[in-house]
Amino acid sequence: MIDTSSRDSDIIKYEENIAQLLDRAVKLFRRTNLNELADKWDKILKTYDSKKRSH
């Protein structure tokens, strides 16, 4: 039998890392006055979060 709990835990960890990376990118773009990029990445982050929650 394959232990899927470890695999599921790894997936959750990776998803959290992706969300954190996107969030940091948005903050960096805002700090450097690249608001257009920040808005686009923020939209990506929100889309990622909504899709992640639906699974």
N, C-alpha and C. Protein backbone atom coordinates (compact mmCIF):
# COMPACT_ATOMS: atom_id res chain seq x y z
N MET A 1 0.84 -1.18 0.00
CA MET A 1 0.00 0.00 0.00
C MET A 1 0.89 1.25 0.00
N ILE A 2 0.53 2.22 -0.80
CA ILE A 2 1.30 3.46 -0.92
C ILE A 2 0.81 4.47 0.11
N ASP A 3 1.76 5.09 0.80
CA ASP A 3 1.41 6.10 1.80
C ASP A 3 1.17 7.43 1.09
N THR A 4 -0.09 7.81 0.95
CA THR A 4 -0.42 9.06 0.25
C THR A 4 -0.42 10.26 1.17
N SER A 5 -0.43 10.03 2.49
CA SER A 5 -0.47 11.18 3.42
C SER A 5 0.80 12.01 3.31
N SER A 6 1.93 11.37 3.13
CA SER A 6 3.20 12.09 2.96
C SER A 6 3.18 12.89 1.66
N ARG A 7 2.69 12.27 0.62
CA ARG A 7 2.61 12.93 -0.69
C ARG A 7 1.66 14.12 -0.63
N ASP A 8 0.51 13.93 0.02
CA ASP A 8 -0.45 15.02 0.16
C ASP A 8 0.14 16.17 0.96
N SER A 9 0.89 15.84 1.99
CA SER A 9 1.54 16.86 2.81
C SER A 9 2.55 17.65 1.98
N ASP A 10 3.29 16.95 1.13
CA ASP A 10 4.27 17.62 0.26
C ASP A 10 3.57 18.55 -0.73
N ILE A 11 2.46 18.11 -1.28
CA ILE A 11 1.70 18.94 -2.23
C ILE A 11 1.21 20.21 -1.56
N ILE A 12 0.68 20.06 -0.35
CA ILE A 12 0.20 21.23 0.39
C ILE A 12 1.34 22.20 0.66
N LYS A 13 2.50 21.66 1.04
CA LYS A 13 3.67 22.50 1.31
C LYS A 13 4.09 23.25 0.04
N TYR A 14 4.12 22.55 -1.10
CA TYR A 14 4.49 23.20 -2.35
C TYR A 14 3.49 24.28 -2.75
N GLU A 15 2.21 23.99 -2.55
CA GLU A 15 1.19 24.98 -2.88
C GLU A 15 1.33 26.23 -2.01
N GLU A 16 1.64 26.04 -0.74
CA GLU A 16 1.85 27.18 0.15
C GLU A 16 3.08 27.97 -0.28
N ASN A 17 4.13 27.28 -0.70
CA ASN A 17 5.34 27.97 -1.16
C ASN A 17 5.06 28.79 -2.42
N ILE A 18 4.27 28.25 -3.32
CA ILE A 18 3.92 28.98 -4.54
C ILE A 18 3.13 30.23 -4.19
N ALA A 19 2.16 30.09 -3.30
CA ALA A 19 1.35 31.24 -2.89
C ALA A 19 2.23 32.31 -2.23
N GLN A 20 3.16 31.89 -1.39
CA GLN A 20 4.06 32.85 -0.73
C GLN A 20 4.95 33.55 -1.75
N LEU A 21 5.44 32.81 -2.73
CA LEU A 21 6.27 33.40 -3.77
C LEU A 21 5.50 34.45 -4.57
N LEU A 22 4.29 34.12 -4.94
CA LEU A 22 3.46 35.08 -5.68
C LEU A 22 3.18 36.32 -4.83
N ASP A 23 2.89 36.12 -3.55
CA ASP A 23 2.63 37.24 -2.65
C ASP A 23 3.86 38.14 -2.53
N ARG A 24 5.02 37.54 -2.40
CA ARG A 24 6.26 38.33 -2.30
C ARG A 24 6.53 39.10 -3.58
N ALA A 25 6.22 38.49 -4.71
CA ALA A 25 6.41 39.18 -6.00
C ALA A 25 5.51 40.41 -6.08
N VAL A 26 4.27 40.27 -5.66
CA VAL A 26 3.33 41.40 -5.67
C VAL A 26 3.88 42.53 -4.79
N LYS A 27 4.33 42.19 -3.59
CA LYS A 27 4.87 43.21 -2.67
C LYS A 27 6.10 43.88 -3.24
N LEU A 28 6.98 43.11 -3.85
CA LEU A 28 8.19 43.68 -4.47
C LEU A 28 7.82 44.64 -5.58
N PHE A 29 6.90 44.24 -6.45
CA PHE A 29 6.50 45.11 -7.55
C PHE A 29 5.87 46.40 -7.03
N ARG A 30 5.09 46.31 -5.98
CA ARG A 30 4.48 47.52 -5.41
C ARG A 30 5.55 48.44 -4.81
N ARG A 31 6.51 47.85 -4.10
CA ARG A 31 7.58 48.64 -3.49
C ARG A 31 8.42 49.36 -4.53
N THR A 32 8.57 48.76 -5.70
CA THR A 32 9.40 49.35 -6.75
C THR A 32 8.56 50.13 -7.77
N ASN A 33 7.33 50.43 -7.38
CA ASN A 33 6.42 51.23 -8.21
C ASN A 33 6.12 50.60 -9.57
N LEU A 34 6.12 49.30 -9.62
CA LEU A 34 5.73 48.59 -10.83
C LEU A 34 4.30 48.08 -10.63
N ASN A 35 3.40 49.04 -10.50
CA ASN A 35 2.02 48.72 -10.12
C ASN A 35 1.28 47.89 -11.15
N GLU A 36 1.58 48.09 -12.42
CA GLU A 36 0.92 47.30 -13.45
C GLU A 36 1.29 45.82 -13.30
N LEU A 37 2.57 45.56 -13.09
CA LEU A 37 3.01 44.18 -12.86
C LEU A 37 2.42 43.64 -11.56
N ALA A 38 2.41 44.46 -10.53
CA ALA A 38 1.85 44.04 -9.24
C ALA A 38 0.39 43.63 -9.40
N ASP A 39 -0.37 44.42 -10.15
CA ASP A 39 -1.78 44.10 -10.36
C ASP A 39 -1.95 42.78 -11.11
N LYS A 40 -1.11 42.55 -12.13
CA LYS A 40 -1.20 41.31 -12.89
C LYS A 40 -0.85 40.10 -12.02
N TRP A 41 0.23 40.21 -11.25
CA TRP A 41 0.65 39.10 -10.39
C TRP A 41 -0.35 38.89 -9.25
N ASP A 42 -0.96 39.97 -8.78
CA ASP A 42 -1.97 39.84 -7.74
C ASP A 42 -3.18 39.07 -8.29
N LYS A 43 -3.53 39.32 -9.52
CA LYS A 43 -4.63 38.59 -10.15
C LYS A 43 -4.26 37.11 -10.29
N ILE A 44 -3.01 36.83 -10.66
CA ILE A 44 -2.55 35.44 -10.75
C ILE A 44 -2.65 34.77 -9.38
N LEU A 45 -2.20 35.47 -8.34
CA LEU A 45 -2.26 34.93 -6.98
C LEU A 45 -3.69 34.62 -6.57
N LYS A 46 -4.59 35.54 -6.83
CA LYS A 46 -6.00 35.33 -6.45
C LYS A 46 -6.61 34.16 -7.23
N THR A 47 -6.27 34.05 -8.50
CA THR A 47 -6.75 32.94 -9.31
C THR A 47 -6.18 31.62 -8.78
N TYR A 48 -4.90 31.62 -8.46
CA TYR A 48 -4.25 30.42 -7.91
C TYR A 48 -4.92 30.00 -6.60
N ASP A 49 -5.14 30.97 -5.72
CA ASP A 49 -5.78 30.67 -4.43
C ASP A 49 -7.17 30.09 -4.62
N SER A 50 -7.95 30.67 -5.53
CA SER A 50 -9.32 30.18 -5.72
C SER A 50 -9.34 28.78 -6.31
N LYS A 51 -8.42 28.50 -7.22
CA LYS A 51 -8.37 27.15 -7.81
C LYS A 51 -7.86 26.13 -6.81
N LYS A 52 -6.91 26.58 -5.97
CA LYS A 52 -6.35 25.69 -4.96
C LYS A 52 -7.43 25.28 -3.96
N ARG A 53 -8.27 26.22 -3.58
CA ARG A 53 -9.33 25.94 -2.60
C ARG A 53 -10.42 25.06 -3.17
N SER A 54 -10.63 25.13 -4.48
CA SER A 54 -11.71 24.35 -5.08
C SER A 54 -11.35 22.88 -5.25
N HIS A 55 -10.08 22.54 -5.08
CA HIS A 55 -9.66 21.13 -5.24
C HIS A 55 -9.61 20.41 -3.95
